[in-house]
N, C-alpha and C. Protein backbone atom coordinates (compact mmCIF):
# COMPACT_ATOMS: atom_id res chain seq x y z
N MET A 1 -14.09 4.85 -55.43
CA MET A 1 -13.58 4.79 -54.08
C MET A 1 -13.62 3.35 -53.56
N LYS A 2 -12.59 3.06 -52.79
CA LYS A 2 -12.48 1.73 -52.22
C LYS A 2 -13.21 1.70 -50.88
N LYS A 3 -13.90 0.62 -50.60
CA LYS A 3 -14.69 0.51 -49.38
C LYS A 3 -13.94 -0.36 -48.36
N ASN A 4 -13.69 0.17 -47.12
CA ASN A 4 -13.02 -0.58 -46.06
C ASN A 4 -14.08 -1.23 -45.17
N ASN A 5 -14.07 -2.55 -45.09
CA ASN A 5 -15.05 -3.26 -44.28
C ASN A 5 -14.48 -3.78 -42.97
N GLY A 6 -13.23 -3.50 -42.63
CA GLY A 6 -12.65 -3.99 -41.39
C GLY A 6 -11.32 -4.67 -41.64
N PHE A 7 -10.96 -5.51 -40.69
CA PHE A 7 -9.67 -6.20 -40.76
C PHE A 7 -9.79 -7.46 -41.62
N THR A 8 -8.67 -7.79 -42.25
CA THR A 8 -8.65 -9.04 -43.00
C THR A 8 -8.34 -10.18 -42.03
N LEU A 9 -8.57 -11.39 -42.49
CA LEU A 9 -8.33 -12.56 -41.65
C LEU A 9 -6.86 -12.68 -41.27
N VAL A 10 -5.97 -12.35 -42.18
CA VAL A 10 -4.53 -12.43 -41.92
C VAL A 10 -4.14 -11.45 -40.82
N GLU A 11 -4.66 -10.24 -40.84
CA GLU A 11 -4.36 -9.24 -39.81
C GLU A 11 -4.85 -9.70 -38.44
N VAL A 12 -6.01 -10.30 -38.38
CA VAL A 12 -6.55 -10.80 -37.12
C VAL A 12 -5.69 -11.94 -36.58
N ILE A 13 -5.27 -12.86 -37.44
CA ILE A 13 -4.44 -13.99 -37.00
C ILE A 13 -3.09 -13.50 -36.49
N ILE A 14 -2.48 -12.56 -37.19
CA ILE A 14 -1.18 -12.03 -36.77
C ILE A 14 -1.29 -11.31 -35.43
N SER A 15 -2.29 -10.46 -35.27
CA SER A 15 -2.43 -9.73 -34.00
C SER A 15 -2.77 -10.69 -32.86
N ALA A 16 -3.55 -11.73 -33.10
CA ALA A 16 -3.87 -12.71 -32.05
C ALA A 16 -2.63 -13.49 -31.66
N SER A 17 -1.78 -13.85 -32.64
CA SER A 17 -0.56 -14.59 -32.31
C SER A 17 0.42 -13.72 -31.53
N ILE A 18 0.50 -12.45 -31.83
CA ILE A 18 1.35 -11.53 -31.06
C ILE A 18 0.83 -11.42 -29.63
N LEU A 19 -0.47 -11.28 -29.49
CA LEU A 19 -1.06 -11.19 -28.15
C LEU A 19 -0.82 -12.46 -27.35
N MET A 20 -0.99 -13.62 -27.95
CA MET A 20 -0.77 -14.88 -27.24
C MET A 20 0.71 -15.06 -26.87
N THR A 21 1.61 -14.59 -27.70
CA THR A 21 3.04 -14.67 -27.39
C THR A 21 3.36 -13.83 -26.17
N VAL A 22 2.82 -12.63 -26.11
CA VAL A 22 3.05 -11.76 -24.95
C VAL A 22 2.46 -12.39 -23.69
N VAL A 23 1.26 -12.92 -23.77
CA VAL A 23 0.61 -13.52 -22.60
C VAL A 23 1.38 -14.74 -22.11
N THR A 24 1.82 -15.60 -23.02
CA THR A 24 2.52 -16.82 -22.60
C THR A 24 3.91 -16.54 -22.02
N THR A 25 4.50 -15.40 -22.33
CA THR A 25 5.79 -15.05 -21.71
C THR A 25 5.60 -14.30 -20.40
N MET A 26 4.50 -13.60 -20.24
CA MET A 26 4.30 -12.81 -19.04
C MET A 26 3.85 -13.64 -17.83
N PHE A 27 3.03 -14.67 -18.02
CA PHE A 27 2.55 -15.46 -16.89
C PHE A 27 3.66 -16.17 -16.13
N PRO A 28 4.60 -16.82 -16.79
CA PRO A 28 5.71 -17.42 -16.02
C PRO A 28 6.56 -16.37 -15.30
N LEU A 29 6.78 -15.23 -15.93
CA LEU A 29 7.55 -14.16 -15.28
C LEU A 29 6.83 -13.64 -14.04
N LEU A 30 5.53 -13.46 -14.13
CA LEU A 30 4.76 -13.00 -12.98
C LEU A 30 4.80 -14.03 -11.85
N HIS A 31 4.76 -15.31 -12.19
CA HIS A 31 4.85 -16.36 -11.17
C HIS A 31 6.21 -16.33 -10.47
N ILE A 32 7.28 -16.18 -11.23
CA ILE A 32 8.63 -16.11 -10.65
C ILE A 32 8.75 -14.89 -9.74
N ILE A 33 8.27 -13.75 -10.19
CA ILE A 33 8.35 -12.52 -9.40
C ILE A 33 7.54 -12.66 -8.11
N THR A 34 6.37 -13.24 -8.18
CA THR A 34 5.54 -13.43 -6.99
C THR A 34 6.21 -14.37 -6.00
N THR A 35 6.81 -15.45 -6.49
CA THR A 35 7.50 -16.40 -5.61
C THR A 35 8.68 -15.73 -4.92
N GLU A 36 9.46 -14.97 -5.64
CA GLU A 36 10.61 -14.27 -5.06
C GLU A 36 10.16 -13.23 -4.03
N LYS A 37 9.04 -12.58 -4.29
CA LYS A 37 8.49 -11.60 -3.34
C LYS A 37 8.11 -12.29 -2.04
N ILE A 38 7.50 -13.45 -2.13
CA ILE A 38 7.11 -14.22 -0.93
C ILE A 38 8.36 -14.65 -0.16
N ILE A 39 9.37 -15.13 -0.88
CA ILE A 39 10.62 -15.57 -0.23
C ILE A 39 11.27 -14.42 0.52
N LEU A 40 11.38 -13.26 -0.11
CA LEU A 40 12.02 -12.11 0.53
C LEU A 40 11.21 -11.61 1.73
N SER A 41 9.90 -11.61 1.60
CA SER A 41 9.05 -11.17 2.70
C SER A 41 9.17 -12.12 3.89
N ASP A 42 9.14 -13.43 3.62
CA ASP A 42 9.29 -14.42 4.70
C ASP A 42 10.67 -14.29 5.36
N ARG A 43 11.69 -14.12 4.55
CA ARG A 43 13.06 -14.00 5.09
C ARG A 43 13.16 -12.79 6.02
N ARG A 44 12.61 -11.67 5.60
CA ARG A 44 12.64 -10.46 6.42
C ARG A 44 11.89 -10.68 7.74
N THR A 45 10.72 -11.28 7.67
CA THR A 45 9.91 -11.52 8.86
C THR A 45 10.61 -12.48 9.82
N ILE A 46 11.18 -13.57 9.28
CA ILE A 46 11.81 -14.59 10.12
C ILE A 46 13.09 -14.08 10.76
N VAL A 47 13.89 -13.32 10.02
CA VAL A 47 15.13 -12.78 10.60
C VAL A 47 14.81 -11.73 11.66
N ASP A 48 13.77 -10.93 11.44
CA ASP A 48 13.34 -9.99 12.49
C ASP A 48 12.91 -10.75 13.75
N ARG A 49 12.20 -11.85 13.56
CA ARG A 49 11.75 -12.65 14.69
C ARG A 49 12.94 -13.29 15.41
N LEU A 50 13.97 -13.72 14.65
CA LEU A 50 15.19 -14.25 15.24
C LEU A 50 15.84 -13.20 16.13
N HIS A 51 15.90 -11.99 15.65
CA HIS A 51 16.45 -10.89 16.44
C HIS A 51 15.67 -10.72 17.74
N ASP A 52 14.36 -10.74 17.65
CA ASP A 52 13.52 -10.58 18.85
C ASP A 52 13.68 -11.75 19.81
N GLU A 53 13.75 -12.97 19.27
CA GLU A 53 13.90 -14.17 20.11
C GLU A 53 15.27 -14.21 20.79
N MET A 54 16.24 -13.53 20.21
CA MET A 54 17.61 -13.57 20.73
C MET A 54 17.81 -12.62 21.92
N GLN A 55 16.95 -11.64 22.06
CA GLN A 55 17.13 -10.61 23.10
C GLN A 55 17.19 -11.16 24.52
N PRO A 56 16.33 -12.11 24.94
CA PRO A 56 16.46 -12.64 26.30
C PRO A 56 17.80 -13.32 26.57
N PHE A 57 18.40 -13.90 25.55
CA PHE A 57 19.70 -14.55 25.71
C PHE A 57 20.81 -13.51 25.90
N LEU A 58 20.63 -12.36 25.29
CA LEU A 58 21.64 -11.31 25.38
C LEU A 58 21.47 -10.45 26.63
N LEU A 59 20.23 -10.12 26.96
CA LEU A 59 19.98 -9.17 28.05
C LEU A 59 19.74 -9.84 29.40
N GLU A 60 19.10 -10.99 29.41
CA GLU A 60 18.73 -11.64 30.66
C GLU A 60 19.54 -12.89 30.95
N SER A 61 20.52 -13.19 30.13
CA SER A 61 21.38 -14.37 30.27
C SER A 61 20.58 -15.67 30.37
N LYS A 62 19.62 -15.83 29.49
CA LYS A 62 18.84 -17.06 29.43
C LYS A 62 19.78 -18.22 29.08
N LYS A 63 19.49 -19.40 29.61
CA LYS A 63 20.37 -20.56 29.46
C LYS A 63 20.44 -21.06 28.02
N THR A 64 21.64 -21.44 27.62
CA THR A 64 21.86 -22.05 26.31
C THR A 64 22.46 -23.43 26.54
N PRO A 65 22.37 -24.37 25.66
CA PRO A 65 21.71 -24.34 24.36
C PRO A 65 20.19 -24.40 24.50
N TYR A 66 19.53 -23.84 23.51
CA TYR A 66 18.07 -23.76 23.53
C TYR A 66 17.58 -23.94 22.10
N GLU A 67 16.48 -24.67 21.94
CA GLU A 67 15.88 -24.87 20.62
C GLU A 67 14.37 -24.79 20.75
N SER A 68 13.75 -24.14 19.77
CA SER A 68 12.29 -24.07 19.75
C SER A 68 11.80 -24.05 18.31
N VAL A 69 10.58 -24.57 18.13
CA VAL A 69 9.95 -24.59 16.81
C VAL A 69 8.69 -23.74 16.89
N LYS A 70 8.56 -22.80 15.96
CA LYS A 70 7.40 -21.91 15.94
C LYS A 70 6.81 -21.88 14.54
N ASN A 71 5.57 -21.45 14.46
CA ASN A 71 4.87 -21.32 13.19
C ASN A 71 4.80 -19.85 12.81
N ILE A 72 5.47 -19.48 11.73
CA ILE A 72 5.48 -18.10 11.26
C ILE A 72 5.06 -18.11 9.80
N ASN A 73 4.01 -17.40 9.47
CA ASN A 73 3.48 -17.34 8.09
C ASN A 73 3.21 -18.73 7.53
N GLN A 74 2.60 -19.60 8.29
CA GLN A 74 2.29 -20.98 7.93
C GLN A 74 3.54 -21.79 7.57
N LYS A 75 4.67 -21.44 8.18
CA LYS A 75 5.92 -22.18 7.98
C LYS A 75 6.46 -22.59 9.34
N LEU A 76 6.94 -23.83 9.43
CA LEU A 76 7.59 -24.27 10.66
C LEU A 76 9.02 -23.75 10.67
N VAL A 77 9.34 -23.00 11.71
CA VAL A 77 10.63 -22.34 11.82
C VAL A 77 11.31 -22.84 13.08
N THR A 78 12.57 -23.28 12.96
CA THR A 78 13.32 -23.80 14.10
C THR A 78 14.38 -22.79 14.51
N PHE A 79 14.29 -22.35 15.77
CA PHE A 79 15.26 -21.42 16.34
C PHE A 79 16.21 -22.21 17.23
N THR A 80 17.50 -21.97 17.10
CA THR A 80 18.49 -22.57 18.00
C THR A 80 19.43 -21.48 18.50
N PHE A 81 19.74 -21.57 19.78
CA PHE A 81 20.65 -20.61 20.40
C PHE A 81 21.71 -21.39 21.16
N VAL A 82 22.98 -21.09 20.88
CA VAL A 82 24.10 -21.75 21.55
C VAL A 82 25.14 -20.70 21.92
N LEU A 83 25.97 -21.07 22.89
CA LEU A 83 27.10 -20.21 23.26
C LEU A 83 28.28 -20.61 22.38
N ASP A 84 28.79 -19.67 21.61
CA ASP A 84 29.90 -19.91 20.69
C ASP A 84 31.02 -18.95 21.09
N ARG A 85 32.00 -19.49 21.82
CA ARG A 85 33.08 -18.71 22.44
C ARG A 85 32.44 -17.70 23.38
N ASN A 86 32.59 -16.43 23.14
CA ASN A 86 31.99 -15.42 24.03
C ASN A 86 30.73 -14.80 23.42
N TYR A 87 30.20 -15.41 22.41
CA TYR A 87 29.04 -14.88 21.71
C TYR A 87 27.85 -15.84 21.82
N ILE A 88 26.68 -15.27 21.73
CA ILE A 88 25.47 -16.07 21.59
C ILE A 88 25.20 -16.16 20.09
N LYS A 89 25.10 -17.39 19.61
CA LYS A 89 24.81 -17.62 18.20
C LYS A 89 23.36 -18.08 18.10
N GLY A 90 22.58 -17.28 17.40
CA GLY A 90 21.18 -17.62 17.17
C GLY A 90 20.97 -17.94 15.71
N CYS A 91 20.46 -19.12 15.43
CA CYS A 91 20.22 -19.54 14.04
C CYS A 91 18.75 -19.90 13.87
N VAL A 92 18.29 -19.73 12.66
CA VAL A 92 16.92 -20.07 12.31
C VAL A 92 16.95 -20.86 11.00
N VAL A 93 16.11 -21.91 10.92
CA VAL A 93 16.04 -22.75 9.73
C VAL A 93 14.57 -22.90 9.35
N TRP A 94 14.29 -22.79 8.05
CA TRP A 94 12.92 -22.95 7.56
C TRP A 94 12.96 -23.38 6.10
N GLU A 95 11.80 -23.76 5.58
CA GLU A 95 11.67 -24.14 4.18
C GLU A 95 10.98 -22.99 3.45
N ASN A 96 11.63 -22.47 2.39
CA ASN A 96 11.07 -21.32 1.69
C ASN A 96 10.01 -21.73 0.67
N ALA A 97 9.52 -20.76 -0.08
CA ALA A 97 8.43 -21.00 -1.03
C ALA A 97 8.84 -21.90 -2.18
N LYS A 98 10.14 -22.04 -2.43
CA LYS A 98 10.63 -22.95 -3.47
C LYS A 98 10.92 -24.34 -2.92
N LYS A 99 10.49 -24.59 -1.68
CA LYS A 99 10.68 -25.88 -0.99
C LYS A 99 12.16 -26.19 -0.76
N LYS A 100 12.97 -25.14 -0.60
CA LYS A 100 14.39 -25.31 -0.29
C LYS A 100 14.63 -24.87 1.15
N LYS A 101 15.52 -25.58 1.83
CA LYS A 101 15.86 -25.25 3.20
C LYS A 101 16.71 -23.98 3.22
N GLU A 102 16.33 -23.07 4.08
CA GLU A 102 17.03 -21.80 4.18
C GLU A 102 17.40 -21.57 5.65
N SER A 103 18.54 -20.95 5.89
CA SER A 103 18.95 -20.69 7.27
C SER A 103 19.63 -19.33 7.34
N HIS A 104 19.61 -18.79 8.55
CA HIS A 104 20.26 -17.50 8.81
C HIS A 104 20.71 -17.49 10.25
N CYS A 105 21.88 -16.93 10.51
CA CYS A 105 22.42 -16.88 11.87
C CYS A 105 22.79 -15.45 12.24
N LEU A 106 22.59 -15.12 13.51
CA LEU A 106 23.01 -13.84 14.08
C LEU A 106 23.88 -14.11 15.28
N TYR A 107 24.83 -13.24 15.53
CA TYR A 107 25.69 -13.34 16.71
C TYR A 107 25.46 -12.11 17.57
N GLY A 108 25.55 -12.30 18.88
CA GLY A 108 25.42 -11.19 19.81
C GLY A 108 26.27 -11.39 21.02
N VAL A 109 26.60 -10.28 21.68
CA VAL A 109 27.42 -10.33 22.89
C VAL A 109 26.48 -10.28 24.08
N PRO A 110 26.54 -11.30 24.96
CA PRO A 110 25.65 -11.30 26.12
C PRO A 110 26.04 -10.21 27.12
N LYS A 111 25.04 -9.70 27.80
CA LYS A 111 25.27 -8.69 28.83
C LYS A 111 25.95 -9.35 30.02
N SER A 112 27.03 -8.76 30.47
CA SER A 112 27.80 -9.37 31.58
C SER A 112 27.34 -8.86 32.92
């Protein structure tokens, strides 16, 4: 009868190299996914805040043009509101997690 004493050195090296290959491909992917999650979460929060900041201009006829800078999720966010024809245009500008400038605009009809 043949006696099995465990794994050979070649089997251990092959399995370790497979494991290291999987680990080295998964860490960058997890970093990319986490960064994109942060960007989408910040975008959702900031656009919701733009909607909320725009309400006084639509309902109470607050004076335009108007600009303000606020801190949301440790990011400096610039809100601007202007009258564009018969609409109130509210825009927001910020720097996302990839250090790129991002902006979003909403339009609304002021209450007459």
